[in-house]
Amino acid sequence: MPAAHQGRLPWNFDYGNPDVDSAALRWDLNEGSGTAVADSSGSGHNGTMATGVSWGQGNDPENPADKAATFTGASCQQITVAGTALSNTSSYTVAAWVRLTDKSVNRTAVSKNGSYTSGFFLNYVQATGRWAFSRMDTDSSTSLPIRASSNTSPVLGRWTHLAGVYDTATGKMTLYVDGVAQSTTAPTGGWNATGGYIIGRAQWNGTFTNTWHGGIDDVRIYGKALTADQVATLAGDENAGRMLKVRRAAL
């Protein structure tokens, strides 16, 4: 060992789980200005902010560069994403960091347009006072909701990680809150929403509704059902797969 290096401990590098970094679609929402929202997955499904959506601090308060989209509940506010991309009749996972600041009505963080209603909702349900991963049994004005709900009510103003997993192998849909599985349900019906992904609102009976009130950060769509361990990893680090820390190792 060269004299200049004697007495120094070698560097070790620790990395996050790369499995959860391979999202089919990912909107980091770190732009901080303008109305263009990049799809950092490389798939090219970029988004556009509507009037009224603004930029605020993201879910990492120690990182001023971490930004988030901020909504005030106005009916016109949304982020629209080009293209239909993935089928919601196959296995998939939808995840986002959310901060809810109003519980007076239903609120939807992420959805996918159908003809009459959204194909799925990652949302807050006012009637139950719970987070939910929801879908409708048909794409019609008479459709009925199917939900996997959280065990407890949201805390207003608190950043929370939500993930909805639909697994065709088990025929079940599961909601995770902060990386912990909540409830699981077996959905009936089965139809594919062919519209675009929407951040910040839902669709019901052909009209836009359930506009978000608060912040949304780091939205991801996977074309597979993440495992419970993978969801826990995703909730533990918003930049999974990056170098998490560099430290000296003991000899």
Protein backbone atom coordinates (compact mmCIF):
# COMPACT_ATOMS: atom_id res chain seq x y z
CA MET A 1 0.00 0.00 0.00
CA PRO A 2 1.44 3.44 -0.89
CA ALA A 3 2.62 5.44 2.11
CA ALA A 4 0.05 8.16 1.33
CA HIS A 5 -2.77 5.61 1.78
CA GLN A 6 -1.49 3.92 4.91
CA GLY A 7 -3.81 4.21 7.89
CA ARG A 8 -6.85 4.95 5.68
CA LEU A 9 -9.87 2.65 5.56
CA PRO A 10 -11.19 1.65 2.13
CA TRP A 11 -14.44 3.11 0.78
CA ASN A 12 -17.59 0.97 0.63
CA PHE A 13 -20.55 1.88 -1.56
CA ASP A 14 -24.14 0.99 -0.61
CA TYR A 15 -26.91 1.11 -3.19
CA GLY A 16 -30.70 0.96 -3.10
CA ASN A 17 -32.67 -1.85 -4.69
CA PRO A 18 -32.43 -1.46 -8.48
CA ASP A 19 -35.61 -3.55 -8.96
CA VAL A 20 -37.80 -0.61 -7.94
CA ASP A 21 -35.86 1.83 -10.13
CA SER A 22 -37.05 0.13 -13.31
CA ALA A 23 -40.44 1.86 -13.51
CA ALA A 24 -42.10 1.73 -16.91
CA LEU A 25 -43.17 5.35 -16.39
CA ARG A 26 -41.80 7.83 -13.85
CA TRP A 27 -42.49 11.49 -13.21
CA ASP A 28 -40.09 12.84 -10.58
CA LEU A 29 -41.80 16.26 -10.60
CA ASN A 30 -38.53 18.01 -9.82
CA GLU A 31 -38.66 20.62 -12.61
CA GLY A 32 -39.58 23.44 -10.23
CA SER A 33 -40.67 25.78 -13.05
CA GLY A 34 -42.60 25.77 -16.29
CA THR A 35 -45.42 23.42 -17.29
CA ALA A 36 -43.46 20.53 -18.85
CA VAL A 37 -43.13 17.34 -16.77
CA ALA A 38 -40.49 14.84 -17.90
CA ASP A 39 -40.87 11.07 -17.90
CA SER A 40 -37.51 10.06 -16.40
CA SER A 41 -38.05 6.37 -17.24
CA GLY A 42 -36.95 7.09 -20.78
CA SER A 43 -40.27 5.93 -22.23
CA GLY A 44 -41.08 9.40 -23.53
CA HIS A 45 -44.50 9.78 -21.91
CA ASN A 46 -44.01 13.36 -20.80
CA GLY A 47 -46.69 15.37 -19.04
CA THR A 48 -48.12 18.88 -19.15
CA MET A 49 -49.30 20.94 -16.18
CA ALA A 50 -52.63 22.71 -16.51
CA THR A 51 -53.21 26.26 -15.34
CA GLY A 52 -53.27 26.58 -11.57
CA VAL A 53 -50.88 23.73 -10.74
CA SER A 54 -47.73 25.14 -9.14
CA TRP A 55 -44.38 23.96 -7.81
CA GLY A 56 -43.58 23.47 -4.13
CA GLN A 57 -41.20 21.61 -1.82
CA GLY A 58 -41.09 17.85 -2.34
CA ASN A 59 -41.32 15.08 0.21
CA ASP A 60 -37.65 15.43 1.24
CA PRO A 61 -37.49 18.59 3.40
CA GLU A 62 -33.71 18.34 3.69
CA ASN A 63 -33.26 18.67 -0.06
CA PRO A 64 -34.30 22.09 -1.43
CA ALA A 65 -33.90 20.72 -4.97
CA ASP A 66 -36.65 18.15 -4.34
CA LYS A 67 -39.81 19.63 -5.82
CA ALA A 68 -43.44 18.55 -6.06
CA ALA A 69 -46.58 19.54 -7.91
CA THR A 70 -49.00 21.52 -5.74
CA PHE A 71 -52.77 21.57 -6.23
CA THR A 72 -55.49 23.71 -4.62
CA GLY A 73 -58.53 21.62 -5.56
CA ALA A 74 -59.67 23.82 -8.44
CA SER A 75 -61.51 21.85 -11.12
CA CYS A 76 -59.10 22.70 -13.94
CA GLN A 77 -55.95 21.49 -12.16
CA GLN A 78 -54.24 18.36 -13.48
CA ILE A 79 -51.12 16.98 -15.12
CA THR A 80 -51.94 15.11 -18.32
CA VAL A 81 -49.61 12.50 -19.79
CA ALA A 82 -49.40 11.60 -23.46
CA GLY A 83 -50.18 8.04 -24.57
CA THR A 84 -51.88 5.06 -22.97
CA ALA A 85 -48.73 2.99 -22.35
CA LEU A 86 -49.69 0.04 -20.11
CA SER A 87 -52.83 -2.06 -19.80
CA ASN A 88 -54.59 -2.05 -16.44
CA THR A 89 -55.96 -5.55 -17.05
CA SER A 90 -52.42 -6.94 -16.71
CA SER A 91 -50.38 -6.84 -13.51
CA TYR A 92 -49.25 -3.33 -12.60
CA THR A 93 -48.23 -1.09 -9.72
CA VAL A 94 -48.94 2.61 -9.28
CA ALA A 95 -47.09 4.59 -6.60
CA ALA A 96 -46.71 8.20 -5.47
CA TRP A 97 -45.72 10.40 -2.57
CA VAL A 98 -48.74 12.50 -1.59
CA ARG A 99 -49.55 15.26 0.88
CA LEU A 100 -53.27 15.81 1.44
CA THR A 101 -54.42 19.19 2.80
CA ASP A 102 -58.21 18.89 2.53
CA LYS A 103 -60.57 15.99 3.31
CA SER A 104 -63.91 17.62 2.51
CA VAL A 105 -64.45 15.66 -0.74
CA ASN A 106 -62.92 12.71 -2.60
CA ARG A 107 -59.38 13.40 -3.81
CA THR A 108 -57.41 11.49 -6.47
CA ALA A 109 -53.63 11.61 -6.82
CA VAL A 110 -53.18 9.36 -9.89
CA SER A 111 -55.65 7.82 -12.34
CA LYS A 112 -56.01 6.57 -15.93
CA ASN A 113 -58.82 7.76 -18.20
CA GLY A 114 -61.45 5.45 -19.64
CA SER A 115 -64.46 6.51 -21.72
CA TYR A 116 -66.73 7.27 -18.75
CA THR A 117 -64.64 6.64 -15.66
CA SER A 118 -61.05 6.13 -14.57
CA GLY A 119 -59.54 2.68 -14.96
CA PHE A 120 -57.95 2.98 -11.52
CA PHE A 121 -57.70 5.59 -8.76
CA LEU A 122 -54.95 6.09 -6.18
CA ASN A 123 -57.08 8.24 -3.94
CA TYR A 124 -58.69 9.47 -0.74
CA VAL A 125 -62.36 8.51 -0.17
CA GLN A 126 -64.27 11.07 1.87
CA ALA A 127 -67.14 8.74 2.83
CA THR A 128 -64.82 6.31 4.60
CA GLY A 129 -62.08 8.75 5.56
CA ARG A 130 -59.46 6.37 4.17
CA TRP A 131 -56.78 6.13 1.50
CA ALA A 132 -57.76 3.73 -1.29
CA PHE A 133 -56.57 1.91 -4.38
CA SER A 134 -59.77 1.81 -6.42
CA ARG A 135 -61.15 0.61 -9.73
CA MET A 136 -64.64 0.44 -11.27
CA ASP A 137 -66.33 -2.79 -12.34
CA THR A 138 -67.38 -1.37 -15.74
CA ASP A 139 -66.57 1.67 -17.87
CA SER A 140 -70.09 3.09 -17.69
CA SER A 141 -72.27 5.59 -15.85
CA THR A 142 -73.63 2.77 -13.64
CA SER A 143 -70.29 1.32 -12.59
CA LEU A 144 -69.60 0.39 -8.97
CA PRO A 145 -66.35 0.97 -7.06
CA ILE A 146 -64.01 -1.80 -5.85
CA ARG A 147 -61.52 -0.64 -3.24
CA ALA A 148 -58.58 -1.77 -1.17
CA SER A 149 -58.57 0.75 1.69
CA SER A 150 -56.15 1.91 4.36
CA ASN A 151 -56.46 0.88 8.00
CA THR A 152 -56.35 4.45 9.30
CA SER A 153 -57.26 7.94 8.13
CA PRO A 154 -54.73 10.22 6.43
CA VAL A 155 -52.95 12.84 8.49
CA LEU A 156 -53.47 16.22 6.86
CA GLY A 157 -50.28 17.91 5.69
CA ARG A 158 -48.11 14.80 6.11
CA TRP A 159 -46.16 13.31 3.22
CA THR A 160 -47.30 9.71 2.75
CA HIS A 161 -46.22 7.04 0.29
CA LEU A 162 -49.09 5.23 -1.45
CA ALA A 163 -48.78 2.19 -3.70
CA GLY A 164 -51.52 0.18 -5.39
CA VAL A 165 -50.62 -3.28 -6.70
CA TYR A 166 -52.79 -5.38 -9.01
CA ASP A 167 -51.52 -8.95 -9.43
CA THR A 168 -53.15 -11.14 -12.08
CA ALA A 169 -51.45 -14.23 -10.61
CA THR A 170 -53.51 -13.90 -7.43
CA GLY A 171 -56.41 -11.92 -8.87
CA LYS A 172 -56.01 -9.43 -6.02
CA MET A 173 -55.43 -5.71 -5.63
CA THR A 174 -53.58 -4.40 -2.55
CA LEU A 175 -53.04 -0.95 -1.11
CA TYR A 176 -49.77 -0.11 0.67
CA VAL A 177 -49.31 2.96 2.89
CA ASP A 178 -45.73 3.96 3.72
CA GLY A 179 -44.58 0.54 2.53
CA VAL A 180 -46.98 -1.46 4.70
CA ALA A 181 -49.79 -3.58 3.20
CA GLN A 182 -53.24 -2.42 4.26
CA SER A 183 -56.14 -4.35 2.72
CA THR A 184 -56.50 -6.68 -0.24
CA THR A 185 -59.57 -7.30 -2.38
CA ALA A 186 -60.47 -9.40 -5.43
CA PRO A 187 -61.87 -7.09 -8.14
CA THR A 188 -64.76 -8.13 -10.38
CA GLY A 189 -65.15 -7.19 -14.00
CA GLY A 190 -62.09 -6.36 -16.03
CA TRP A 191 -61.73 -3.64 -18.62
CA ASN A 192 -58.78 -1.70 -19.94
CA ALA A 193 -58.76 2.09 -19.69
CA THR A 194 -57.30 3.30 -22.98
CA GLY A 195 -56.96 6.98 -22.10
CA GLY A 196 -53.94 8.78 -20.72
CA TYR A 197 -52.57 8.84 -17.20
CA ILE A 198 -53.63 11.79 -15.07
CA ILE A 199 -51.92 13.23 -12.01
CA GLY A 200 -54.16 15.24 -9.72
CA ARG A 201 -57.72 14.23 -10.55
CA ALA A 202 -60.09 11.43 -11.64
CA GLN A 203 -62.81 10.86 -14.23
CA TRP A 204 -66.39 9.92 -13.39
CA ASN A 205 -69.37 9.65 -15.78
CA GLY A 206 -67.36 11.38 -18.50
CA THR A 207 -66.43 14.43 -16.42
CA PHE A 208 -63.31 15.37 -14.46
CA THR A 209 -63.63 15.22 -10.68
CA ASN A 210 -61.87 14.54 -7.35
CA THR A 211 -59.17 17.17 -7.93
CA TRP A 212 -56.22 16.90 -5.56
CA HIS A 213 -55.63 19.35 -2.72
CA GLY A 214 -51.99 19.37 -1.55
CA GLY A 215 -48.75 18.01 -3.01
CA ILE A 216 -47.83 15.07 -5.27
CA ASP A 217 -44.27 13.85 -5.81
CA ASP A 218 -42.39 11.02 -7.56
CA VAL A 219 -45.18 9.21 -9.43
CA ARG A 220 -44.33 5.79 -10.87
CA ILE A 221 -46.12 3.14 -12.93
CA TYR A 222 -44.73 -0.41 -13.21
CA GLY A 223 -45.87 -3.00 -15.71
CA LYS A 224 -45.69 -5.67 -13.01
CA ALA A 225 -46.89 -6.39 -9.49
CA LEU A 226 -44.17 -5.30 -7.08
CA THR A 227 -43.59 -7.61 -4.13
CA ALA A 228 -44.19 -6.46 -0.56
CA ASP A 229 -40.43 -6.11 -0.03
CA GLN A 230 -40.07 -4.02 -3.18
CA VAL A 231 -42.89 -1.69 -2.14
CA ALA A 232 -41.27 -1.28 1.28
CA THR A 233 -37.97 -0.39 -0.42
CA LEU A 234 -39.73 2.06 -2.72
CA ALA A 235 -41.41 3.77 0.24
CA GLY A 236 -38.09 3.98 2.09
CA ASP A 237 -36.24 5.93 -0.57
CA GLU A 238 -37.72 8.11 -3.30
CA ASN A 239 -34.59 7.67 -5.43
CA ALA A 240 -34.20 3.93 -5.13
CA GLY A 241 -31.23 2.60 -7.05
CA ARG A 242 -29.07 5.68 -6.51
CA MET A 243 -25.99 5.56 -4.27
CA LEU A 244 -27.44 5.97 -0.80
CA LYS A 245 -24.26 6.46 1.20
CA VAL A 246 -20.51 6.27 1.03
CA ARG A 247 -18.65 5.31 4.17
CA ARG A 248 -15.34 4.00 5.44
CA ALA A 249 -15.47 0.29 6.22
CA ALA A 250 -13.80 -1.30 9.19
CA LEU A 251 -10.78 -3.41 8.32
